[in-house]
Structures are given as C-alpha cells and as structure tokens.
Amino acid sequence: MKMISPDFDSNSKSPLYIQLYEYLKDRITSGAMSSGEKLPSLRKLSKDLSISITTADLAYSQLSVEGYIYSVPQSGYYVAELVPGASHEDAAPEGSSTNYTFHVERPKYRYDLSCFNFVKWKKCMAKVLNNYPEALLYESDPQGEEALRHEVSKYVYTSRGVIASPDQIVIGAGTQQLTSHLCRIMRKMNIGLVSTEDPGYLPVQNIFRDHGFSITKIPVADDGIDISKLPTNLSSAVYVSPSNQFPTGSVMPVGRRYKLLQWAKENQSYILEDDYDSELRYFGKPVPALQGLDKHSRVVYLGSFSSTLFPAIKISYMVLPEEMMDIWTDIKTDYTQTCSKTEQLTLALFMEEGSYSTNIKKLRKLYSQKLQVALNAFNKYAKGIAQPMNTQSGINIILKVRTKKDPELLSKAAESLGLNVIPTSGLTQQDTTALIFYYNQIPLDEMDQAIREMIEMWIE
C-alpha cells in the first residue's frame, strides 16, 4: 500500500474531498497506483490525513462512480483496471484490437448467497434450454407465458387467497412497468385521479404523474390509509399496500378492508393493491390479500418476485378484474413483452417443482433470525439514538435516528460499511431522521458487528 499524501490547499475553492479525489485520480491514471492495489480504509485515511471520514468517503465514492476504484465488501477499496485485459504499461495503441476480459460490477452492498438456491434455479434454466429451445425462437406473449401465469394463479390462491384464472394475469418486468399498463387502461376508462399513500412508494407515484393523472396523497396511520379522505362521487383509483405498507409497515385490519371495498363499490372506483413483501411475515400467518374479499371486481392485485427470488430478476404480475382485462386484451398487441421469456419459463418450472414455496419458507426462517439479531444489536448499541420501527415483516425496518446530521451523510457512512440505508422524508421530524435499513442481505454472522460499526460512525 503506497503512501497517500496530498498537499491540501486551504485557500482553494474546491472542497477537501474534491482535492483528495483529484489527487488519487491523477495517481491512478499516471500509473503511480497500479491495478488491484488496496487503498487505505476510510478510518485510516481520515486519521492519516486529519480529515473527516465523510470527506474520505465522498472522495472514494466519486472515484468509485467514475470507475477508478471499486469496493469489496468486508475487504476494502481497490484500484480498478482502467484498460480491460491490459496493464498501464502495455495498453494497446489506439485502433488496435484488444482482448476484453469479462467484467461484472462488484456488489455495492454486503450480500448473502445463502438467501437463494442458485443451483436449483440453474437446473430449471438448463431444462428450458435443453428441452424447449424451440420456444425461445419466437417472442413472448405480451401478457406473459401461459405456463408462468398458470403457476402464479395456483400460488396466489394457496398463499394469498387471491382468486384469479391464468387469463386474468399479466406478467411484466417489474411493478413500475405494470403500473404504466394500468395507466393506459385507466385512461381508456376515463379515470384521471389516483390517490396514493403518504408516505408511500415514490417511483409508482411518479409514473402516475408522468401519465398525466391528478394525484392526491392520503395519510397513512397504524391501521393503513385514511379511507375518510378518499374522493367521493367520482370514478378514481387508490394505490395501497394493505398487508405491509411501505415504508411504515402498517397493516390494514379486515374491518377497514371491507370499508375500502365499500368505498370502491359506491364510487365506481378501483383499488390497486400492491402486495409488497406480504409473504415475508415473521410473526403469525401472512395477512390474506384484499383481492380475495372483493365481490364486485374492484381490485387490481400486484405482486413481485424480486424480494423472494433475487433482485436482478425483474418479474412481476398483476391480476385484472374483468372490465380492465377486456381493455388490456384490446391494446396488448401494441406492446412487446419486456420480461425475459427464458426467465419466465425457468420460474414456471421452479414453481412447478415446489422450489419456490421451499425458498419462501427458508427465507421466512432466515430473515426472522436476521431481524431478531438486528433488533438486539440496535438495543445494545443504539439506545436513545436509533429506534427501529416496522419490525413484523418484509426485508427492511424503519430507523428513527435522533440526530441533526444530514440523512445523506448517514446513508453514505452506512454504505462505506456495505450496508444499504436510504433516507425517507415522509417520516422525518425535527431532530429525528427516518432511514430505511435493509437487513435481509447482511450475513447473519456479520449483523451485530455491522450495526455496531454503523452506529459508531453515526455518533462520532
């Protein structure tokens, strides 16, 4: 590890982190620091240079974003290879051929490979490639592969109480894409107003906004959205997560679910039910879906596989009531299916063989253990500093942190430890910052120490 000794200019208009960034960038591009060379830890660098950890982290983050360095969880930062397959000294001249090596971006956050059985997934994908190669020679159905829709239909009924035939199910590459389809359908139904939860899932709210819908935000309490504030005497839609509201984790009790259904019936309106992480409930049984209580075809049910398989697989689905399904049937040929056909068929086999249900049971057990260790760690190291909320289900918890520090700095500090912590403005109060802490991918045996180190960085 070579010495790092920038000559900081206190009179410069450039902040210290920019000066440090420029210094390190120059040493890397000049070859003074070679590919694969390990950089000092944030703590060591801040101590050696008498700068704050935040300053060091901001410099490293900028270098990482631009590809000059990369991080390895639990190991540290390293100098990246600027020319794939070649060193600085023997880089090929311009115009000559270069043998590029396969490169995969290293994980930004800690990861736990035990969360998913990639061996079984690979076997299912091999079956698709070996036994059904002809199916891959033409595009996927815009509505999604029938085999997958059949498996989803069975699964949502047995696990969530959702009543749906395969013909009612639409497969898409993520909830946001499916929400865009819903916008097109609702426009044809002359629906122009959507109510959303406050706080709620911002990416979906942005989609409604971008499609020209008027949006009204409805407060969320411990028992879900405030139904009394929903619009009346006009046809509209409300986007809700009644079984595990994001980010508060509130659950809507059955009595209020019937009131919400009554509102939809009386006002010729629709409920867009996002069943976010509902299968991952660790105390008691998962709460049945709202759609299963609907007797008047007023609920659209939305589900996703990202949390229960792995985030890189963008497969989601929605169950449409009859009137909406008729409209979708008329317009679906205008759009191509953006969800990988190979992955759709692989998932269908994965579900058919029972591996998906097995994985859900495994995740519930593993994540409940991680959650308990995380709660114990916050109790040990963060009393009076960080209070965990939303501790019954899902893959994250809300932390209410007593601090006057910028939440972005707290997030950056956590990121330097390989932890995924995201600020959320909807729950922030005076002298209290709300953060979303994702604990699911942190290995169980690293959880306690990781939280301790994070809290130490927050209070220093």
Protein backbone atom coordinates (compact mmCIF):
# COMPACT_ATOMS: atom_id res chain seq x y z
CA MET A 1 0.00 0.00 0.00
CA LYS A 2 1.63 3.21 -1.21
CA MET A 3 1.65 6.37 0.87
CA ILE A 4 -1.14 8.83 0.17
CA SER A 5 -0.05 12.39 0.92
CA PRO A 6 -1.99 15.08 -0.95
CA ASP A 7 -0.98 18.70 -0.47
CA PHE A 8 -4.31 20.22 0.57
CA ASP A 9 -4.82 23.90 -0.28
CA SER A 10 -6.88 25.56 2.45
CA ASN A 11 -7.37 28.62 0.22
CA SER A 12 -8.77 26.64 -2.69
CA LYS A 13 -12.41 27.00 -3.68
CA SER A 14 -12.51 23.23 -4.17
CA PRO A 15 -13.66 21.30 -1.07
CA LEU A 16 -11.24 18.87 0.51
CA TYR A 17 -12.95 15.80 -0.88
CA ILE A 18 -12.56 17.14 -4.45
CA GLN A 19 -8.88 17.85 -3.83
CA LEU A 20 -8.42 14.31 -2.50
CA TYR A 21 -10.38 12.89 -5.43
CA GLU A 22 -8.23 14.78 -7.96
CA TYR A 23 -5.02 13.69 -6.23
CA LEU A 24 -6.00 9.99 -6.23
CA LYS A 25 -7.35 10.15 -9.77
CA ASP A 26 -4.06 11.59 -11.02
CA ARG A 27 -2.02 8.89 -9.27
CA ILE A 28 -4.22 6.13 -10.70
CA THR A 29 -4.23 7.45 -14.29
CA SER A 30 -0.49 8.08 -14.23
CA GLY A 31 0.18 4.53 -13.10
CA ALA A 32 1.66 5.59 -9.75
CA MET A 33 -1.04 3.41 -8.20
CA SER A 34 -1.45 0.12 -10.01
CA SER A 35 -4.48 -2.02 -10.79
CA GLY A 36 -5.58 -4.15 -7.83
CA GLU A 37 -3.67 -2.08 -5.29
CA LYS A 38 -5.53 -1.79 -2.00
CA LEU A 39 -6.39 1.67 -0.70
CA PRO A 40 -6.40 2.64 2.98
CA SER A 41 -9.66 2.19 4.86
CA LEU A 42 -11.82 5.26 5.38
CA ARG A 43 -10.88 5.37 9.05
CA LYS A 44 -7.14 5.05 8.38
CA LEU A 45 -7.20 7.63 5.60
CA SER A 46 -9.12 10.14 7.72
CA LYS A 47 -6.69 9.62 10.60
CA ASP A 48 -3.54 9.82 8.45
CA LEU A 49 -4.68 12.97 6.63
CA SER A 50 -6.50 14.58 9.59
CA ILE A 51 -9.76 14.80 7.64
CA SER A 52 -13.27 13.58 8.46
CA ILE A 53 -14.47 10.13 7.44
CA THR A 54 -17.19 11.86 5.42
CA THR A 55 -14.57 13.72 3.37
CA ALA A 56 -12.68 10.49 2.68
CA ASP A 57 -15.91 8.66 1.85
CA LEU A 58 -17.08 11.33 -0.59
CA ALA A 59 -13.74 11.19 -2.44
CA TYR A 60 -13.82 7.39 -2.62
CA SER A 61 -17.46 7.43 -3.71
CA GLN A 62 -16.73 9.79 -6.62
CA LEU A 63 -13.77 7.65 -7.72
CA SER A 64 -15.95 4.56 -7.48
CA VAL A 65 -18.78 6.08 -9.52
CA GLU A 66 -16.32 7.02 -12.28
CA GLY A 67 -14.73 3.57 -12.24
CA TYR A 68 -11.28 4.42 -10.90
CA ILE A 69 -11.70 2.24 -7.81
CA TYR A 70 -14.06 -0.49 -6.64
CA SER A 71 -15.07 -1.82 -3.24
CA VAL A 72 -15.14 -5.38 -1.98
CA PRO A 73 -17.50 -5.92 0.99
CA GLN A 74 -15.62 -6.66 4.23
CA SER A 75 -12.30 -6.13 2.45
CA GLY A 76 -11.98 -2.52 1.33
CA TYR A 77 -11.29 -0.37 -1.73
CA TYR A 78 -9.01 -1.31 -4.64
CA VAL A 79 -7.65 0.44 -7.73
CA ALA A 80 -9.61 -0.60 -10.84
CA GLU A 81 -8.10 -1.81 -14.11
CA LEU A 82 -8.56 1.12 -16.46
CA VAL A 83 -7.92 -0.85 -19.68
CA PRO A 84 -9.65 -4.26 -19.58
CA GLY A 85 -7.20 -7.09 -20.09
CA ALA A 86 -4.09 -4.89 -20.09
CA SER A 87 -1.86 -3.01 -17.63
CA HIS A 88 -0.99 0.68 -17.94
CA GLU A 89 2.36 -0.15 -19.45
CA ASP A 90 1.19 -2.50 -22.19
CA ALA A 91 -2.13 -0.88 -23.08
CA ALA A 92 -2.87 -1.39 -26.77
CA PRO A 93 -2.43 1.66 -29.03
CA GLU A 94 -5.48 3.36 -30.45
CA GLY A 95 -7.04 1.44 -33.34
CA SER A 96 -5.53 -1.94 -32.43
CA SER A 97 -7.57 -4.93 -31.28
CA THR A 98 -7.83 -5.59 -27.55
CA ASN A 99 -8.86 -8.79 -25.80
CA TYR A 100 -11.52 -7.64 -23.36
CA THR A 101 -11.99 -9.73 -20.25
CA PHE A 102 -15.47 -10.43 -18.89
CA HIS A 103 -16.20 -7.90 -16.19
CA VAL A 104 -19.05 -7.87 -13.66
CA GLU A 105 -19.60 -4.89 -11.41
CA ARG A 106 -18.75 -5.74 -7.85
CA PRO A 107 -21.57 -5.55 -5.29
CA LYS A 108 -22.04 -2.18 -3.66
CA TYR A 109 -23.52 -3.73 -0.53
CA ARG A 110 -22.93 -6.85 1.53
CA TYR A 111 -24.59 -9.96 0.18
CA ASP A 112 -25.66 -13.38 1.43
CA LEU A 113 -25.68 -16.12 -1.21
CA SER A 114 -27.49 -18.46 1.17
CA CYS A 115 -30.67 -16.45 0.56
CA PHE A 116 -31.35 -18.25 -2.70
CA ASN A 117 -30.68 -21.70 -4.16
CA PHE A 118 -28.98 -20.78 -7.43
CA VAL A 119 -28.15 -24.46 -8.10
CA LYS A 120 -31.84 -25.40 -8.41
CA TRP A 121 -32.51 -22.29 -10.48
CA LYS A 122 -29.68 -23.22 -12.84
CA LYS A 123 -31.11 -26.73 -13.24
CA CYS A 124 -34.51 -25.33 -14.16
CA MET A 125 -32.97 -22.95 -16.68
CA ALA A 126 -30.95 -25.84 -18.17
CA LYS A 127 -34.21 -27.77 -18.66
CA VAL A 128 -35.66 -24.83 -20.57
CA LEU A 129 -32.58 -24.56 -22.80
CA ASN A 130 -32.24 -28.31 -23.35
CA ASN A 131 -35.88 -29.41 -23.59
CA TYR A 132 -37.69 -26.37 -25.01
CA PRO A 133 -35.19 -24.47 -27.20
CA GLU A 134 -37.79 -24.03 -29.96
CA ALA A 135 -39.93 -21.95 -27.58
CA LEU A 136 -37.12 -19.40 -27.37
CA LEU A 137 -37.06 -18.79 -31.12
CA TYR A 138 -40.11 -16.53 -31.04
CA GLU A 139 -41.12 -13.64 -28.82
CA SER A 140 -43.00 -13.97 -25.57
CA ASP A 141 -46.74 -13.34 -25.26
CA PRO A 142 -47.31 -9.65 -24.35
CA GLN A 143 -49.43 -10.93 -21.47
CA GLY A 144 -46.72 -13.31 -20.27
CA GLU A 145 -46.03 -17.01 -20.77
CA GLU A 146 -49.07 -19.21 -20.15
CA ALA A 147 -47.03 -21.70 -18.11
CA LEU A 148 -45.96 -18.99 -15.68
CA ARG A 149 -49.43 -17.44 -15.47
CA HIS A 150 -50.79 -20.90 -14.61
CA GLU A 151 -48.27 -21.33 -11.78
CA VAL A 152 -48.86 -17.80 -10.47
CA SER A 153 -52.61 -18.45 -10.46
CA LYS A 154 -52.16 -21.53 -8.26
CA TYR A 155 -49.64 -19.86 -5.97
CA VAL A 156 -51.53 -16.64 -5.22
CA TYR A 157 -54.67 -18.62 -4.38
CA THR A 158 -52.99 -21.00 -1.93
CA SER A 159 -50.68 -18.43 -0.34
CA ARG A 160 -52.59 -15.14 -0.53
CA GLY A 161 -56.25 -16.08 -1.09
CA VAL A 162 -56.26 -14.31 -4.47
CA ILE A 163 -58.90 -15.64 -6.86
CA ALA A 164 -57.58 -15.46 -10.42
CA SER A 165 -57.57 -17.54 -13.56
CA PRO A 166 -54.41 -17.54 -15.73
CA ASP A 167 -56.33 -15.42 -18.27
CA GLN A 168 -56.64 -12.59 -15.71
CA ILE A 169 -52.89 -12.43 -15.04
CA VAL A 170 -50.45 -10.11 -16.82
CA ILE A 171 -46.69 -10.62 -16.47
CA GLY A 172 -44.33 -7.65 -16.65
CA ALA A 173 -40.73 -6.59 -16.00
CA GLY A 174 -41.35 -5.01 -12.61
CA THR A 175 -44.21 -3.25 -10.82
CA GLN A 176 -43.36 0.05 -12.48
CA GLN A 177 -43.91 -1.36 -15.98
CA LEU A 178 -47.21 -2.93 -14.95
CA THR A 179 -48.30 0.37 -13.42
CA SER A 180 -47.67 2.03 -16.79
CA HIS A 181 -50.01 -0.52 -18.39
CA LEU A 182 -52.59 0.26 -15.70
CA CYS A 183 -52.33 3.95 -16.55
CA ARG A 184 -53.17 3.20 -20.18
CA ILE A 185 -56.14 1.05 -19.15
CA MET A 186 -57.50 3.62 -16.70
CA ARG A 187 -57.20 6.41 -19.26
CA LYS A 188 -59.50 4.43 -21.56
CA MET A 189 -61.93 4.15 -18.62
CA ASN A 190 -61.88 7.96 -18.18
CA ILE A 191 -60.22 7.71 -14.77
CA GLY A 192 -57.96 10.71 -14.22
CA LEU A 193 -57.47 10.81 -10.45
CA VAL A 194 -55.30 8.48 -8.36
CA SER A 195 -54.95 8.59 -4.58
CA THR A 196 -51.67 7.37 -3.10
CA GLU A 197 -50.40 6.66 0.40
CA ASP A 198 -48.43 9.32 2.25
CA PRO A 199 -45.70 8.32 2.89
CA GLY A 200 -45.67 5.83 0.06
CA TYR A 201 -43.78 4.28 -2.84
CA LEU A 202 -42.49 7.27 -4.82
CA PRO A 203 -41.49 5.52 -8.10
CA VAL A 204 -45.10 4.46 -8.69
CA GLN A 205 -46.40 7.91 -7.80
CA ASN A 206 -44.02 9.35 -10.39
CA ILE A 207 -45.45 7.04 -13.05
CA PHE A 208 -48.99 8.27 -12.38
CA ARG A 209 -47.71 11.84 -12.54
CA ASP A 210 -45.85 11.26 -15.80
CA HIS A 211 -49.00 9.79 -17.36
CA GLY A 212 -50.90 12.96 -16.54
CA PHE A 213 -53.00 11.74 -13.61
CA SER A 214 -54.06 14.08 -10.84
CA ILE A 215 -52.64 12.75 -7.59
CA THR A 216 -53.98 13.23 -4.08
CA LYS A 217 -51.90 11.97 -1.17
CA ILE A 218 -53.76 10.30 1.70
CA PRO A 219 -52.17 10.00 5.17
CA VAL A 220 -51.28 6.55 6.49
CA ALA A 221 -51.87 5.62 10.13
CA ASP A 222 -51.11 2.45 12.10
CA ASP A 223 -54.15 0.76 10.53
CA GLY A 224 -53.46 1.86 6.96
CA ILE A 225 -54.71 4.61 4.68
CA ASP A 226 -57.30 7.12 5.94
CA ILE A 227 -60.37 5.97 3.99
CA SER A 228 -62.44 9.01 5.03
CA LYS A 229 -60.16 11.26 2.95
CA LEU A 230 -60.63 9.35 -0.31
CA PRO A 231 -62.54 11.18 -3.08
CA THR A 232 -66.28 10.54 -3.43
CA ASN A 233 -68.87 10.93 -6.16
CA LEU A 234 -66.40 10.35 -8.98
CA SER A 235 -64.63 7.38 -10.51
CA SER A 236 -61.00 7.20 -9.36
CA ALA A 237 -58.35 4.77 -8.14
CA VAL A 238 -56.35 4.36 -4.95
CA TYR A 239 -52.91 2.72 -4.77
CA VAL A 240 -52.45 0.91 -1.43
CA SER A 241 -50.30 -1.73 0.28
CA PRO A 242 -52.73 -3.01 2.93
CA SER A 243 -50.75 -6.06 4.06
CA ASN A 244 -47.35 -4.39 4.54
CA GLN A 245 -47.40 -0.67 3.83
CA PHE A 246 -44.17 0.84 2.53
CA PRO A 247 -42.36 2.30 4.34
CA THR A 248 -44.31 2.27 7.64
CA GLY A 249 -45.14 -1.47 7.71
CA SER A 250 -48.72 -0.77 8.84
CA VAL A 251 -51.33 -3.48 8.28
CA MET A 252 -54.95 -2.70 7.42
CA PRO A 253 -57.33 -4.78 9.62
CA VAL A 254 -60.14 -6.70 7.97
CA GLY A 255 -62.89 -4.30 9.11
CA ARG A 256 -61.23 -1.37 7.35
CA ARG A 257 -60.59 -3.53 4.28
CA TYR A 258 -64.32 -4.02 3.90
CA LYS A 259 -64.82 -0.25 4.28
CA LEU A 260 -62.27 0.34 1.50
CA LEU A 261 -64.07 -2.16 -0.73
CA GLN A 262 -67.36 -0.44 0.03
CA TRP A 263 -65.83 2.91 -0.96
CA ALA A 264 -64.74 1.43 -4.31
CA LYS A 265 -68.18 -0.04 -4.99
CA GLU A 266 -70.15 3.09 -4.07
CA ASN A 267 -67.91 5.41 -6.10
CA GLN A 268 -67.34 3.16 -9.14
CA SER A 269 -63.64 3.27 -8.31
CA TYR A 270 -60.73 0.83 -8.21
CA ILE A 271 -58.26 -0.34 -5.59
CA LEU A 272 -54.73 -1.02 -6.86
CA GLU A 273 -53.43 -3.47 -4.24
CA ASP A 274 -49.62 -3.71 -4.12
CA ASP A 275 -48.98 -6.83 -2.05
CA TYR A 276 -45.46 -5.66 -1.21
CA ASP A 277 -43.38 -8.36 0.59
CA SER A 278 -46.57 -9.82 2.06
CA GLU A 279 -45.22 -13.39 2.05
CA LEU A 280 -42.33 -12.36 4.30
CA ARG A 281 -44.22 -12.05 7.56
CA TYR A 282 -42.34 -13.40 10.56
CA PHE A 283 -44.88 -13.30 13.39
CA GLY A 284 -48.15 -15.14 12.77
CA LYS A 285 -49.52 -16.01 9.35
CA PRO A 286 -49.33 -13.70 6.33
CA VAL A 287 -52.39 -11.46 6.12
CA PRO A 288 -54.74 -12.58 3.28
CA ALA A 289 -54.90 -10.27 0.29
CA LEU A 290 -57.63 -7.68 -0.10
CA GLN A 291 -58.45 -9.05 -3.56
CA GLY A 292 -59.82 -12.27 -2.08
CA LEU A 293 -62.52 -10.28 -0.23
CA ASP A 294 -63.65 -8.41 -3.34
CA LYS A 295 -67.10 -9.43 -4.62
CA HIS A 296 -67.59 -6.60 -7.11
CA SER A 297 -64.44 -6.77 -9.32
CA ARG A 298 -62.96 -3.54 -7.95
CA VAL A 299 -59.44 -4.70 -7.03
CA VAL A 300 -56.29 -4.94 -9.15
CA TYR A 301 -53.75 -7.18 -7.43
CA LEU A 302 -50.00 -6.53 -7.95
CA GLY A 303 -47.21 -8.88 -6.89
CA SER A 304 -43.48 -9.27 -7.50
CA PHE A 305 -40.77 -11.94 -7.26
CA SER A 306 -37.84 -9.55 -6.66
CA SER A 307 -37.71 -9.98 -2.87
CA THR A 308 -38.47 -13.69 -2.78
CA LEU A 309 -36.10 -14.76 -5.57
CA PHE A 310 -33.30 -12.25 -6.18
CA PRO A 311 -33.45 -8.53 -7.08
CA ALA A 312 -31.87 -8.90 -10.53
CA ILE A 313 -34.87 -10.88 -11.78
CA LYS A 314 -37.47 -8.30 -12.75
CA ILE A 315 -40.61 -10.43 -12.93
CA SER A 316 -43.86 -9.04 -11.57
CA TYR A 317 -47.52 -9.76 -12.21
CA MET A 318 -50.96 -8.24 -11.86
CA VAL A 319 -54.44 -9.70 -11.66
CA LEU A 320 -57.00 -7.62 -13.54
CA PRO A 321 -60.77 -7.52 -12.95
CA GLU A 322 -62.96 -8.34 -15.95
CA GLU A 323 -63.61 -4.80 -17.26
CA MET A 324 -59.92 -3.92 -17.17
CA MET A 325 -58.96 -7.27 -18.69
CA ASP A 326 -61.21 -6.60 -21.69
CA ILE A 327 -59.41 -3.30 -22.33
CA TRP A 328 -55.99 -4.90 -21.91
CA THR A 329 -56.91 -7.62 -24.42
CA ASP A 330 -57.69 -4.91 -26.98
CA ILE A 331 -54.44 -2.97 -26.51
CA LYS A 332 -51.85 -5.59 -25.51
CA THR A 333 -50.65 -6.25 -29.06
CA ASP A 334 -49.43 -2.64 -29.17
CA TYR A 335 -46.72 -3.57 -26.65
CA THR A 336 -44.00 -6.21 -26.62
CA GLN A 337 -43.18 -8.29 -23.57
CA THR A 338 -40.01 -6.91 -21.96
CA CYS A 339 -39.69 -9.69 -19.41
CA SER A 340 -37.21 -12.40 -20.45
CA LYS A 341 -39.02 -15.42 -21.87
CA THR A 342 -36.21 -17.70 -20.71
CA GLU A 343 -36.56 -16.46 -17.14
CA GLN A 344 -40.35 -16.69 -17.27
CA LEU A 345 -40.20 -20.35 -18.27
CA THR A 346 -37.44 -21.03 -15.74
CA LEU A 347 -39.58 -19.55 -12.98
CA ALA A 348 -42.59 -21.59 -14.11
CA LEU A 349 -40.53 -24.79 -13.72
CA PHE A 350 -39.07 -23.56 -10.43
CA MET A 351 -42.60 -23.07 -9.09
CA GLU A 352 -43.98 -26.29 -10.58
CA GLU A 353 -41.27 -28.35 -8.86
CA GLY A 354 -42.05 -26.75 -5.48
CA SER A 355 -38.71 -24.96 -5.19
CA TYR A 356 -40.31 -21.52 -4.94
CA SER A 357 -42.51 -22.48 -1.98
CA THR A 358 -39.50 -24.13 -0.33
CA ASN A 359 -37.47 -20.96 -0.80
CA ILE A 360 -40.22 -18.81 0.75
CA LYS A 361 -40.24 -20.99 3.88
CA LYS A 362 -36.46 -20.79 4.07
CA LEU A 363 -36.47 -17.01 3.72
CA ARG A 364 -39.09 -16.57 6.44
CA LYS A 365 -36.92 -18.52 8.87
CA LEU A 366 -33.62 -16.89 7.84
CA TYR A 367 -34.94 -13.32 7.69
CA SER A 368 -36.75 -13.65 11.02
CA GLN A 369 -33.42 -14.67 12.58
CA LYS A 370 -31.66 -11.73 10.94
CA LEU A 371 -34.39 -9.37 12.10
CA GLN A 372 -34.07 -10.54 15.70
CA VAL A 373 -30.27 -10.19 15.67
CA ALA A 374 -30.63 -6.71 14.16
CA LEU A 375 -33.15 -5.63 16.81
CA ASN A 376 -30.91 -6.96 19.58
CA ALA A 377 -27.95 -5.05 18.12
CA PHE A 378 -29.86 -1.76 17.97
CA ASN A 379 -30.96 -2.34 21.55
CA LYS A 380 -27.33 -2.87 22.62
CA TYR A 381 -25.60 -0.14 20.66
CA ALA A 382 -28.22 2.46 19.77
CA LYS A 383 -30.47 3.06 22.77
CA GLY A 384 -31.60 6.65 22.68
CA ILE A 385 -30.05 7.05 19.23
CA ALA A 386 -31.87 4.84 16.72
CA GLN A 387 -35.32 3.37 17.31
CA PRO A 388 -36.36 0.50 14.99
CA MET A 389 -39.92 0.60 13.63
CA ASN A 390 -41.83 -1.76 11.30
CA THR A 391 -40.46 -4.99 12.76
CA GLN A 392 -43.03 -7.59 11.74
CA SER A 393 -42.34 -8.36 8.09
CA GLY A 394 -40.53 -7.52 4.87
CA ILE A 395 -36.82 -7.04 4.18
CA ASN A 396 -36.25 -3.70 5.91
CA ILE A 397 -37.01 -1.74 9.02
CA ILE A 398 -37.51 1.97 9.62
CA LEU A 399 -34.94 3.62 11.88
CA LYS A 400 -35.88 6.86 13.61
CA VAL A 401 -32.49 8.38 14.39
CA ARG A 402 -32.05 11.25 16.84
CA THR A 403 -29.58 13.45 15.02
CA LYS A 404 -29.10 16.80 13.33
CA LYS A 405 -26.79 15.30 10.72
CA ASP A 406 -27.76 15.26 7.07
CA PRO A 407 -29.50 11.91 6.36
CA GLU A 408 -27.48 11.60 3.15
CA LEU A 409 -24.28 11.60 5.22
CA LEU A 410 -25.68 8.87 7.46
CA SER A 411 -26.56 6.87 4.37
CA LYS A 412 -23.06 7.36 2.93
CA ALA A 413 -21.47 6.26 6.19
CA ALA A 414 -23.54 3.07 6.16
CA GLU A 415 -22.69 2.49 2.51
CA SER A 416 -18.98 2.60 3.33
CA LEU A 417 -19.63 -0.46 5.51
CA GLY A 418 -21.51 -2.22 2.70
CA LEU A 419 -24.91 -1.50 4.29
CA ASN A 420 -27.97 -0.33 2.37
CA VAL A 421 -29.60 2.55 4.24
CA ILE A 422 -31.90 5.01 2.44
CA PRO A 423 -33.33 8.30 3.77
CA THR A 424 -37.11 8.69 3.70
CA SER A 425 -38.51 12.19 4.07
CA GLY A 426 -42.09 11.17 4.82
CA LEU A 427 -41.34 10.18 8.43
CA THR A 428 -38.66 12.75 9.28
CA GLN A 429 -39.38 15.13 12.18
CA GLN A 430 -37.43 17.86 13.96
CA ASP A 431 -34.15 16.44 15.30
CA THR A 432 -35.24 12.98 14.09
CA THR A 433 -34.25 11.48 10.77
CA ALA A 434 -36.08 8.49 9.29
CA LEU A 435 -33.99 5.92 7.42
CA ILE A 436 -34.86 2.64 5.72
CA PHE A 437 -32.41 -0.06 6.81
CA TYR A 438 -32.29 -3.16 4.57
CA TYR A 439 -31.06 -6.05 6.70
CA ASN A 440 -32.04 -9.01 4.51
CA GLN A 441 -28.76 -9.35 2.56
CA ILE A 442 -26.43 -8.89 5.52
CA PRO A 443 -24.98 -12.30 6.51
CA LEU A 444 -26.34 -13.42 9.86
CA ASP A 445 -22.91 -13.73 11.47
CA GLU A 446 -21.97 -10.16 10.41
CA MET A 447 -25.16 -8.40 11.51
CA ASP A 448 -24.21 -7.48 15.08
CA GLN A 449 -20.78 -6.06 14.23
CA ALA A 450 -22.04 -4.24 11.13
CA ILE A 451 -24.72 -2.42 13.12
CA ARG A 452 -22.27 -1.57 15.90
CA GLU A 453 -19.81 -0.04 13.42
CA MET A 454 -22.60 1.87 11.68
CA ILE A 455 -23.84 3.40 14.92
CA GLU A 456 -20.26 4.33 15.90
CA MET A 457 -19.84 6.19 12.62
CA TRP A 458 -23.16 7.98 13.07
CA ILE A 459 -22.32 9.33 16.53
CA GLU A 460 -18.66 10.21 16.03
